[in-house]
Amino acid sequence: MKQKMGRILATGMAIISMAILAACSGEQFHVTGSIANAKDSVLYFEHNGLDGFSTVDSVKLDDKGAFSFSGDKVGNPEFYRLRIAGQIINIGIDSTETVDVKASYPQMATDYTVKGSYDNEKIKELALKQIRLQSQCQSVLAERPELADSIIKTMLNDYKQDVTRNYIFKEPMRAYSYFALFQYIVIGNEAHLIFDPSREVADNKVFGAVATSWDTYYPGSERTQNLHNITIKGMKDERIMKAQNQPVEIKAKELGVVELPLRDNRGIERHLTDLKGKVVLLDFHVFAAKGSAEYIMQLRELYNKYHERGLEIYMVSLDDNAHFWKEQVANLPWINVYDDRGVSQVYTAPAQSFPIIYLIDRGNNIVKNPSQIKNLEQEIKNML
């Protein structure tokens, strides 16, 4: 569980962010309010960027403590914070809303109210839960150091169950669910992600739930892409860690394939990594689904057109009936495998609809996830 604070902040909370995109429409959001008892303090309005925190604006507060910040509208929720010294209020921004914050310094991280934003009310709830968990962990370390590891592990599991059930799985498309994925606690001057997909398979599923939902609501955004990347790489690193018994580090933009050692309709085990050197269309399909026959015909046309140039299709069936699947794929020319063990979950969980498609380059790296593919044939041509 040991990682340096700087590394976690760079690859944990920083991962939840992307660079601010300028809006052509000129529409803006607003964050307004006042901080009591903070005369002459500098209030910073900071954006949580992919490369860390950056200052958007700042103001030296007078005796009234009033402030007003604004920024350009973007196509998906963004994350900011209000900060005086080490006191922080996290803010999620969706579209052109106006968020009103009232706080009192020097306890503004806990002593504040927020109006005009459902997401920010939930973010406050999550932030206060995180602060309480941090305090409980510190108490255990001080009072029962010999049992601290097991007690803290139990507290973390309870916290994750609560947040997963009552926040993330309840509304995975919301900004507050995204925010919850990257909370952390500090133990012995080292920061630890609460949801850590590099160490817990269950945490991959939580990331996957938000990634799939953001595919629907914010397709193609960098945040959506990063969620997919973290989920898939987390599963890959989980397998590496188990094999080597050593910790791994999350890097959002690394994305090699997660192996799928599945058997084809002839009983032969087929591996994605065996296809290195080819452009691979990784396809998760349900043959029993409505419209399957028409889809397969379209896929045949693509295969016939580009197979000689290096295209391969690796189609994973998620049908319930293996005998039915074998009948459906008997005459298909590409690789057809059947997943009766659930190993495809890292790519598909929780699935909203099928097919689910990824594109893998000749170096065995996933370069397009479902949210990024707009014109499948053109994407394939560009990669060949």
Protein backbone atom coordinates (compact mmCIF):
# COMPACT_ATOMS: atom_id res chain seq x y z
CA MET A 1 0.00 0.00 0.00
CA LYS A 2 2.98 2.30 0.10
CA GLN A 3 3.31 5.14 -2.39
CA LYS A 4 4.76 8.60 -2.06
CA MET A 5 2.41 11.53 -1.47
CA GLY A 6 3.63 13.42 -4.53
CA ARG A 7 3.13 10.41 -6.78
CA ILE A 8 -0.44 9.84 -5.59
CA LEU A 9 -1.35 13.48 -5.98
CA ALA A 10 0.09 13.47 -9.50
CA THR A 11 -1.53 10.20 -10.59
CA GLY A 12 -4.55 10.06 -8.28
CA MET A 13 -6.50 13.26 -7.85
CA ALA A 14 -4.72 14.77 -10.84
CA ILE A 15 -5.96 11.91 -13.01
CA ILE A 16 -9.51 13.05 -12.44
CA SER A 17 -8.90 16.15 -14.49
CA MET A 18 -8.28 17.33 -18.04
CA ALA A 19 -7.18 20.66 -19.45
CA ILE A 20 -9.86 23.35 -19.68
CA LEU A 21 -11.32 23.48 -23.17
CA ALA A 22 -12.22 26.89 -24.51
CA ALA A 23 -15.88 27.17 -25.41
CA CYS A 24 -16.72 28.73 -28.74
CA SER A 25 -20.15 29.80 -27.51
CA GLY A 26 -18.74 32.10 -24.82
CA GLU A 27 -21.07 30.56 -22.23
CA GLN A 28 -19.64 30.54 -18.71
CA PHE A 29 -20.13 29.06 -15.26
CA HIS A 30 -19.85 31.09 -12.05
CA VAL A 31 -18.63 30.36 -8.53
CA THR A 32 -19.61 33.07 -6.08
CA GLY A 33 -19.95 33.53 -2.33
CA SER A 34 -18.09 34.73 0.73
CA ILE A 35 -15.54 33.49 3.25
CA ALA A 36 -16.03 34.93 6.75
CA ASN A 37 -13.12 35.72 9.09
CA ALA A 38 -10.64 35.72 6.20
CA LYS A 39 -9.79 39.41 5.77
CA ASP A 40 -6.52 39.94 3.87
CA SER A 41 -6.27 36.22 3.02
CA VAL A 42 -5.71 35.26 -0.63
CA LEU A 43 -8.42 32.94 -1.98
CA TYR A 44 -7.30 30.84 -4.92
CA PHE A 45 -9.63 29.35 -7.52
CA GLU A 46 -7.75 26.36 -8.94
CA HIS A 47 -8.45 23.83 -11.66
CA ASN A 48 -7.61 20.16 -11.12
CA GLY A 49 -5.71 19.59 -14.36
CA LEU A 50 -4.36 16.32 -15.71
CA ASP A 51 -0.86 17.50 -14.85
CA GLY A 52 -1.79 18.86 -11.43
CA PHE A 53 -3.43 21.95 -9.99
CA SER A 54 -3.31 25.28 -11.82
CA THR A 55 -4.51 28.67 -10.67
CA VAL A 56 -7.42 30.05 -12.67
CA ASP A 57 -7.89 33.21 -10.59
CA SER A 58 -7.34 34.62 -7.10
CA VAL A 59 -8.54 37.47 -4.93
CA LYS A 60 -7.41 39.12 -1.72
CA LEU A 61 -10.46 39.11 0.54
CA ASP A 62 -11.72 42.18 2.35
CA ASP A 63 -13.66 42.25 5.61
CA LYS A 64 -16.81 41.00 3.82
CA GLY A 65 -14.95 38.09 2.24
CA ALA A 66 -16.91 38.25 -1.02
CA PHE A 67 -15.61 36.59 -4.18
CA SER A 68 -16.74 35.78 -7.70
CA PHE A 69 -14.99 33.54 -10.22
CA SER A 70 -16.03 32.33 -13.66
CA GLY A 71 -14.84 30.11 -16.48
CA ASP A 72 -15.77 28.78 -19.90
CA LYS A 73 -18.41 26.10 -20.27
CA VAL A 74 -17.11 22.66 -21.30
CA GLY A 75 -18.83 19.53 -22.60
CA ASN A 76 -18.47 17.44 -19.45
CA PRO A 77 -18.18 18.02 -15.68
CA GLU A 78 -14.97 19.69 -14.56
CA PHE A 79 -13.35 19.94 -11.14
CA TYR A 80 -11.99 22.95 -9.28
CA ARG A 81 -11.22 23.98 -5.74
CA LEU A 82 -11.33 27.07 -3.56
CA ARG A 83 -8.23 27.29 -1.38
CA ILE A 84 -6.81 29.45 1.38
CA ALA A 85 -3.50 28.00 2.57
CA GLY A 86 -4.28 24.33 3.35
CA GLN A 87 -8.05 24.77 3.65
CA ILE A 88 -9.85 23.47 0.55
CA ILE A 89 -13.40 23.32 -0.78
CA ASN A 90 -13.84 21.04 -3.79
CA ILE A 91 -16.17 22.23 -6.55
CA GLY A 92 -17.63 20.30 -9.46
CA ILE A 93 -18.87 22.30 -12.45
CA ASP A 94 -21.40 21.03 -14.96
CA SER A 95 -22.32 23.32 -17.87
CA THR A 96 -23.18 26.95 -17.08
CA GLU A 97 -24.43 26.62 -13.51
CA THR A 98 -23.84 29.17 -10.77
CA VAL A 99 -22.54 27.72 -7.53
CA ASP A 100 -22.87 29.80 -4.37
CA VAL A 101 -20.52 29.01 -1.47
CA LYS A 102 -20.59 30.41 2.05
CA ALA A 103 -17.77 29.44 4.40
CA SER A 104 -15.93 30.46 7.54
CA TYR A 105 -12.15 30.51 7.87
CA PRO A 106 -10.01 28.86 9.24
CA GLN A 107 -12.25 25.75 9.18
CA MET A 108 -13.67 26.37 5.74
CA ALA A 109 -12.97 22.80 4.54
CA THR A 110 -15.73 21.58 6.88
CA ASP A 111 -17.60 24.75 7.80
CA TYR A 112 -19.30 25.70 4.53
CA THR A 113 -22.59 25.56 2.68
CA VAL A 114 -23.14 25.26 -1.05
CA LYS A 115 -26.25 26.21 -3.01
CA GLY A 116 -27.32 25.92 -6.62
CA SER A 117 -25.70 22.57 -7.33
CA TYR A 118 -26.90 19.06 -6.49
CA ASP A 119 -23.49 17.61 -7.42
CA ASN A 120 -21.67 19.95 -5.07
CA GLU A 121 -23.95 19.04 -2.19
CA LYS A 122 -22.96 15.42 -2.78
CA ILE A 123 -19.28 16.35 -3.16
CA LYS A 124 -19.49 18.05 0.23
CA GLU A 125 -21.00 14.91 1.76
CA LEU A 126 -18.18 12.82 0.29
CA ALA A 127 -15.50 15.30 1.40
CA LEU A 128 -16.81 15.27 4.98
CA LYS A 129 -16.91 11.47 4.96
CA GLN A 130 -13.31 11.44 3.76
CA ILE A 131 -12.25 13.85 6.52
CA ARG A 132 -13.97 11.69 9.17
CA LEU A 133 -12.29 8.57 7.81
CA GLN A 134 -8.93 10.33 7.91
CA SER A 135 -9.49 11.33 11.54
CA GLN A 136 -10.51 7.78 12.50
CA CYS A 137 -7.41 6.34 10.86
CA GLN A 138 -5.16 8.77 12.70
CA SER A 139 -6.81 7.86 16.01
CA VAL A 140 -6.30 4.15 15.40
CA LEU A 141 -2.64 4.70 14.52
CA ALA A 142 -2.12 6.68 17.72
CA GLU A 143 -4.14 4.52 20.11
CA ARG A 144 -3.82 0.97 18.72
CA PRO A 145 -0.76 0.87 16.48
CA GLU A 146 -0.32 -2.91 16.84
CA LEU A 147 -3.77 -3.48 15.26
CA ALA A 148 -3.80 -0.48 12.95
CA ASP A 149 -3.37 -2.35 9.65
CA SER A 150 -6.33 -4.67 10.13
CA ILE A 151 -8.60 -2.04 11.67
CA ILE A 152 -7.88 0.51 8.94
CA LYS A 153 -8.44 -2.12 6.27
CA THR A 154 -11.87 -2.85 7.74
CA MET A 155 -12.72 0.85 7.91
CA LEU A 156 -11.68 1.33 4.29
CA ASN A 157 -13.82 -1.60 3.15
CA ASP A 158 -16.83 -0.21 5.03
CA TYR A 159 -16.25 3.22 3.53
CA LYS A 160 -15.99 1.81 0.01
CA GLN A 161 -19.16 -0.23 0.39
CA ASP A 162 -21.06 2.85 1.58
CA VAL A 163 -19.77 5.13 -1.20
CA THR A 164 -20.16 2.50 -3.91
CA ARG A 165 -23.73 1.60 -2.97
CA ASN A 166 -25.09 5.02 -1.98
CA TYR A 167 -23.23 7.28 -4.39
CA ILE A 168 -21.31 5.75 -7.32
CA PHE A 169 -23.61 2.91 -8.38
CA LYS A 170 -26.66 5.06 -7.65
CA GLU A 171 -25.73 7.77 -10.17
CA PRO A 172 -22.50 6.85 -11.99
CA MET A 173 -22.99 9.58 -14.59
CA ARG A 174 -22.73 12.38 -12.02
CA ALA A 175 -19.70 14.55 -11.29
CA TYR A 176 -19.73 13.53 -7.63
CA SER A 177 -19.34 9.85 -8.58
CA TYR A 178 -16.28 10.71 -10.65
CA PHE A 179 -14.96 12.75 -7.72
CA ALA A 180 -15.44 9.81 -5.33
CA LEU A 181 -13.19 7.55 -7.40
CA PHE A 182 -10.10 9.59 -6.56
CA GLN A 183 -10.46 10.22 -2.84
CA TYR A 184 -7.50 9.28 -0.70
CA ILE A 185 -6.32 9.13 2.90
CA VAL A 186 -2.90 9.87 4.38
CA ILE A 187 -1.29 7.30 6.65
CA GLY A 188 2.15 7.92 8.05
CA ASN A 189 2.75 10.83 5.66
CA GLU A 190 1.93 8.62 2.68
CA ALA A 191 -1.23 9.02 0.58
CA HIS A 192 -3.30 5.98 -0.39
CA LEU A 193 -6.11 5.91 -2.91
CA ILE A 194 -9.32 4.61 -1.33
CA PHE A 195 -10.46 3.07 -4.60
CA ASP A 196 -7.31 1.52 -6.01
CA PRO A 197 -7.87 -0.38 -9.28
CA SER A 198 -4.25 -1.52 -9.36
CA ARG A 199 -4.83 -3.63 -6.24
CA GLU A 200 -8.52 -4.51 -6.01
CA VAL A 201 -10.49 -6.23 -8.76
CA ALA A 202 -13.71 -4.91 -7.20
CA ASP A 203 -12.40 -1.36 -7.60
CA ASN A 204 -11.96 -1.97 -11.34
CA LYS A 205 -15.67 -2.69 -11.52
CA VAL A 206 -16.44 0.59 -9.76
CA PHE A 207 -14.28 2.51 -12.25
CA GLY A 208 -15.92 0.54 -15.05
CA ALA A 209 -19.39 1.55 -13.90
CA VAL A 210 -18.53 5.25 -14.15
CA ALA A 211 -16.63 4.78 -17.42
CA THR A 212 -19.57 3.06 -19.08
CA SER A 213 -22.01 5.70 -17.89
CA TRP A 214 -19.74 8.53 -19.06
CA ASP A 215 -19.57 6.83 -22.46
CA THR A 216 -23.28 7.51 -22.73
CA TYR A 217 -23.40 11.02 -21.29
CA TYR A 218 -19.97 12.41 -22.26
CA PRO A 219 -18.73 10.30 -25.19
CA GLY A 220 -15.24 11.01 -26.43
CA SER A 221 -14.15 13.21 -23.53
CA GLU A 222 -10.67 12.85 -22.08
CA ARG A 223 -12.12 11.99 -18.70
CA THR A 224 -14.12 9.14 -20.21
CA GLN A 225 -11.01 7.88 -21.99
CA ASN A 226 -8.96 8.06 -18.79
CA LEU A 227 -11.60 6.08 -16.91
CA HIS A 228 -11.42 3.32 -19.50
CA ASN A 229 -7.64 3.41 -19.45
CA ILE A 230 -7.42 3.17 -15.67
CA THR A 231 -9.96 0.35 -15.53
CA ILE A 232 -8.24 -1.77 -18.16
CA LYS A 233 -4.73 -1.08 -16.95
CA GLY A 234 -5.83 -1.71 -13.38
CA MET A 235 -6.92 -5.22 -14.26
CA LYS A 236 -3.72 -5.82 -16.17
CA ASP A 237 -1.61 -4.58 -13.27
CA GLU A 238 -3.64 -6.64 -10.80
CA ARG A 239 -2.57 -9.77 -12.65
CA ILE A 240 1.05 -8.62 -12.80
CA MET A 241 1.04 -7.77 -9.10
CA LYS A 242 -0.34 -11.16 -8.13
CA ALA A 243 2.27 -12.90 -10.24
CA GLN A 244 5.20 -10.85 -9.02
CA ASN A 245 3.94 -9.85 -5.56
CA GLN A 246 4.98 -6.25 -5.98
CA PRO A 247 3.18 -2.88 -6.06
CA VAL A 248 2.39 -1.06 -9.28
CA GLU A 249 1.74 2.55 -10.17
CA ILE A 250 -1.28 3.87 -12.04
CA LYS A 251 -0.50 5.89 -15.15
CA ALA A 252 -3.69 6.95 -16.83
CA LYS A 253 -2.44 7.10 -20.38
CA GLU A 254 -0.71 3.71 -20.52
CA LEU A 255 -3.01 1.22 -22.19
CA GLY A 256 -1.76 -2.13 -23.38
CA VAL A 257 -4.19 -4.98 -23.87
CA VAL A 258 -5.45 -7.09 -21.00
CA GLU A 259 -5.01 -10.70 -22.07
CA LEU A 260 -8.11 -12.77 -22.80
CA PRO A 261 -7.05 -16.44 -22.87
CA LEU A 262 -10.33 -17.86 -24.21
CA ARG A 263 -11.10 -20.94 -26.30
CA ASP A 264 -12.47 -20.70 -29.81
CA ASN A 265 -15.22 -22.86 -31.32
CA ARG A 266 -12.66 -25.57 -32.05
CA GLY A 267 -11.43 -25.70 -28.45
CA ILE A 268 -8.13 -23.91 -29.13
CA GLU A 269 -7.05 -21.24 -26.62
CA ARG A 270 -6.56 -17.91 -28.40
CA HIS A 271 -4.61 -14.95 -27.03
CA LEU A 272 -4.83 -11.27 -27.96
CA THR A 273 -1.08 -10.93 -27.58
CA ASP A 274 -0.57 -13.53 -30.32
CA LEU A 275 -2.01 -10.98 -32.75
CA LYS A 276 0.78 -8.44 -32.31
CA GLY A 277 1.67 -7.05 -35.72
CA LYS A 278 -1.95 -6.88 -36.85
CA VAL A 279 -4.65 -4.24 -36.44
CA VAL A 280 -7.25 -5.93 -34.24
CA LEU A 281 -10.93 -5.18 -33.88
CA LEU A 282 -11.78 -6.51 -30.41
CA ASP A 283 -15.51 -7.11 -30.40
CA PHE A 284 -17.73 -8.21 -27.49
CA HIS A 285 -20.96 -9.50 -28.96
CA VAL A 286 -24.21 -11.24 -28.06
CA PHE A 287 -25.45 -13.30 -31.00
CA ALA A 288 -28.88 -13.66 -29.42
CA ALA A 289 -29.36 -9.87 -29.36
CA LYS A 290 -31.72 -8.12 -31.74
CA GLY A 291 -30.01 -6.97 -34.94
CA SER A 292 -27.09 -9.40 -34.59
CA ALA A 293 -27.45 -10.89 -38.09
CA GLU A 294 -27.35 -7.49 -39.78
CA TYR A 295 -24.35 -6.45 -37.71
CA ILE A 296 -22.42 -9.62 -38.57
CA MET A 297 -23.05 -8.99 -42.28
CA GLN A 298 -21.58 -5.49 -41.98
CA LEU A 299 -18.59 -6.90 -40.12
CA ARG A 300 -18.04 -9.48 -42.89
CA GLU A 301 -17.78 -6.67 -45.42
CA LEU A 302 -15.11 -4.93 -43.34
CA TYR A 303 -13.20 -8.16 -42.82
CA ASN A 304 -13.27 -9.11 -46.50
CA LYS A 305 -12.15 -5.62 -47.47
CA TYR A 306 -9.25 -5.17 -45.04
CA HIS A 307 -8.11 -8.59 -43.82
CA GLU A 308 -5.41 -8.88 -46.51
CA ARG A 309 -4.03 -5.52 -45.39
CA GLY A 310 -3.60 -6.70 -41.80
CA LEU A 311 -6.99 -6.51 -40.09
CA GLU A 312 -7.99 -9.28 -37.68
CA ILE A 313 -11.20 -9.60 -35.68
CA TYR A 314 -11.19 -11.13 -32.21
CA MET A 315 -14.85 -11.62 -31.33
CA VAL A 316 -15.83 -12.56 -27.79
CA SER A 317 -19.29 -14.06 -27.36
CA LEU A 318 -21.13 -13.29 -24.14
CA ASP A 319 -24.15 -15.45 -25.00
CA ASP A 320 -25.66 -17.69 -22.34
CA ASN A 321 -25.87 -20.77 -24.58
CA ALA A 322 -22.53 -22.15 -25.80
CA HIS A 323 -24.16 -24.56 -28.27
CA PHE A 324 -26.11 -21.70 -29.86
CA TRP A 325 -22.90 -19.67 -30.10
CA LYS A 326 -21.04 -22.47 -31.88
CA GLU A 327 -23.80 -22.70 -34.47
CA GLN A 328 -23.69 -18.94 -35.07
CA VAL A 329 -19.92 -18.74 -35.61
CA ALA A 330 -19.40 -21.98 -37.56
CA ASN A 331 -18.91 -20.16 -40.86
CA LEU A 332 -17.35 -16.92 -39.68
CA PRO A 333 -13.77 -16.39 -40.94
CA TRP A 334 -12.32 -14.50 -37.96
CA ILE A 335 -11.36 -15.55 -34.42
CA ASN A 336 -14.42 -16.41 -32.33
CA VAL A 337 -14.05 -17.18 -28.63
CA TYR A 338 -16.54 -17.79 -25.83
CA ASP A 339 -16.37 -16.28 -22.36
CA ASP A 340 -18.03 -18.49 -19.78
CA ARG A 341 -15.74 -17.32 -16.94
CA GLY A 342 -16.44 -13.59 -16.83
CA VAL A 343 -12.88 -12.54 -17.68
CA SER A 344 -14.21 -9.96 -20.15
CA GLN A 345 -15.64 -7.83 -17.36
CA VAL A 346 -12.70 -5.44 -17.35
CA TYR A 347 -13.68 -4.41 -20.89
CA THR A 348 -17.45 -4.62 -20.59
CA ALA A 349 -18.64 -4.18 -17.00
CA PRO A 350 -21.26 -2.99 -16.55
CA ALA A 351 -22.42 -3.40 -20.17
CA GLN A 352 -25.21 -1.13 -21.37
CA SER A 353 -25.54 -2.52 -24.89
CA PHE A 354 -23.70 -4.65 -27.43
CA PRO A 355 -21.55 -4.82 -29.43
CA ILE A 356 -18.68 -3.22 -27.51
CA ILE A 357 -15.68 -2.48 -29.73
CA TYR A 358 -12.04 -1.61 -29.11
CA LEU A 359 -9.33 -1.05 -31.74
CA ILE A 360 -5.81 -2.39 -31.08
CA ASP A 361 -2.79 -1.24 -33.07
CA ARG A 362 0.03 -3.39 -34.47
CA GLY A 363 2.01 -2.87 -31.27
CA ASN A 364 -0.75 -4.55 -29.19
CA ASN A 365 -1.93 -1.27 -27.67
CA ILE A 366 -5.55 -0.22 -27.39
CA VAL A 367 -5.80 3.09 -29.21
CA LYS A 368 -9.57 3.50 -29.47
CA ASN A 369 -12.15 2.65 -26.83
CA PRO A 370 -15.93 2.56 -27.46
CA SER A 371 -16.46 6.25 -26.73
CA GLN A 372 -13.84 7.29 -29.29
CA ILE A 373 -14.98 5.29 -32.31
CA LYS A 374 -17.18 7.42 -34.56
CA ASN A 375 -16.56 5.91 -38.00
CA LEU A 376 -15.35 2.34 -37.64
CA GLU A 377 -14.18 1.80 -41.23
CA GLN A 378 -12.30 5.08 -41.33
CA GLU A 379 -10.61 4.34 -38.00
CA ILE A 380 -9.48 0.94 -39.34
CA LYS A 381 -8.16 2.46 -42.57
CA ASN A 382 -6.20 5.04 -40.58
CA MET A 383 -4.49 2.28 -38.59
CA LEU A 384 -3.59 -0.06 -41.46
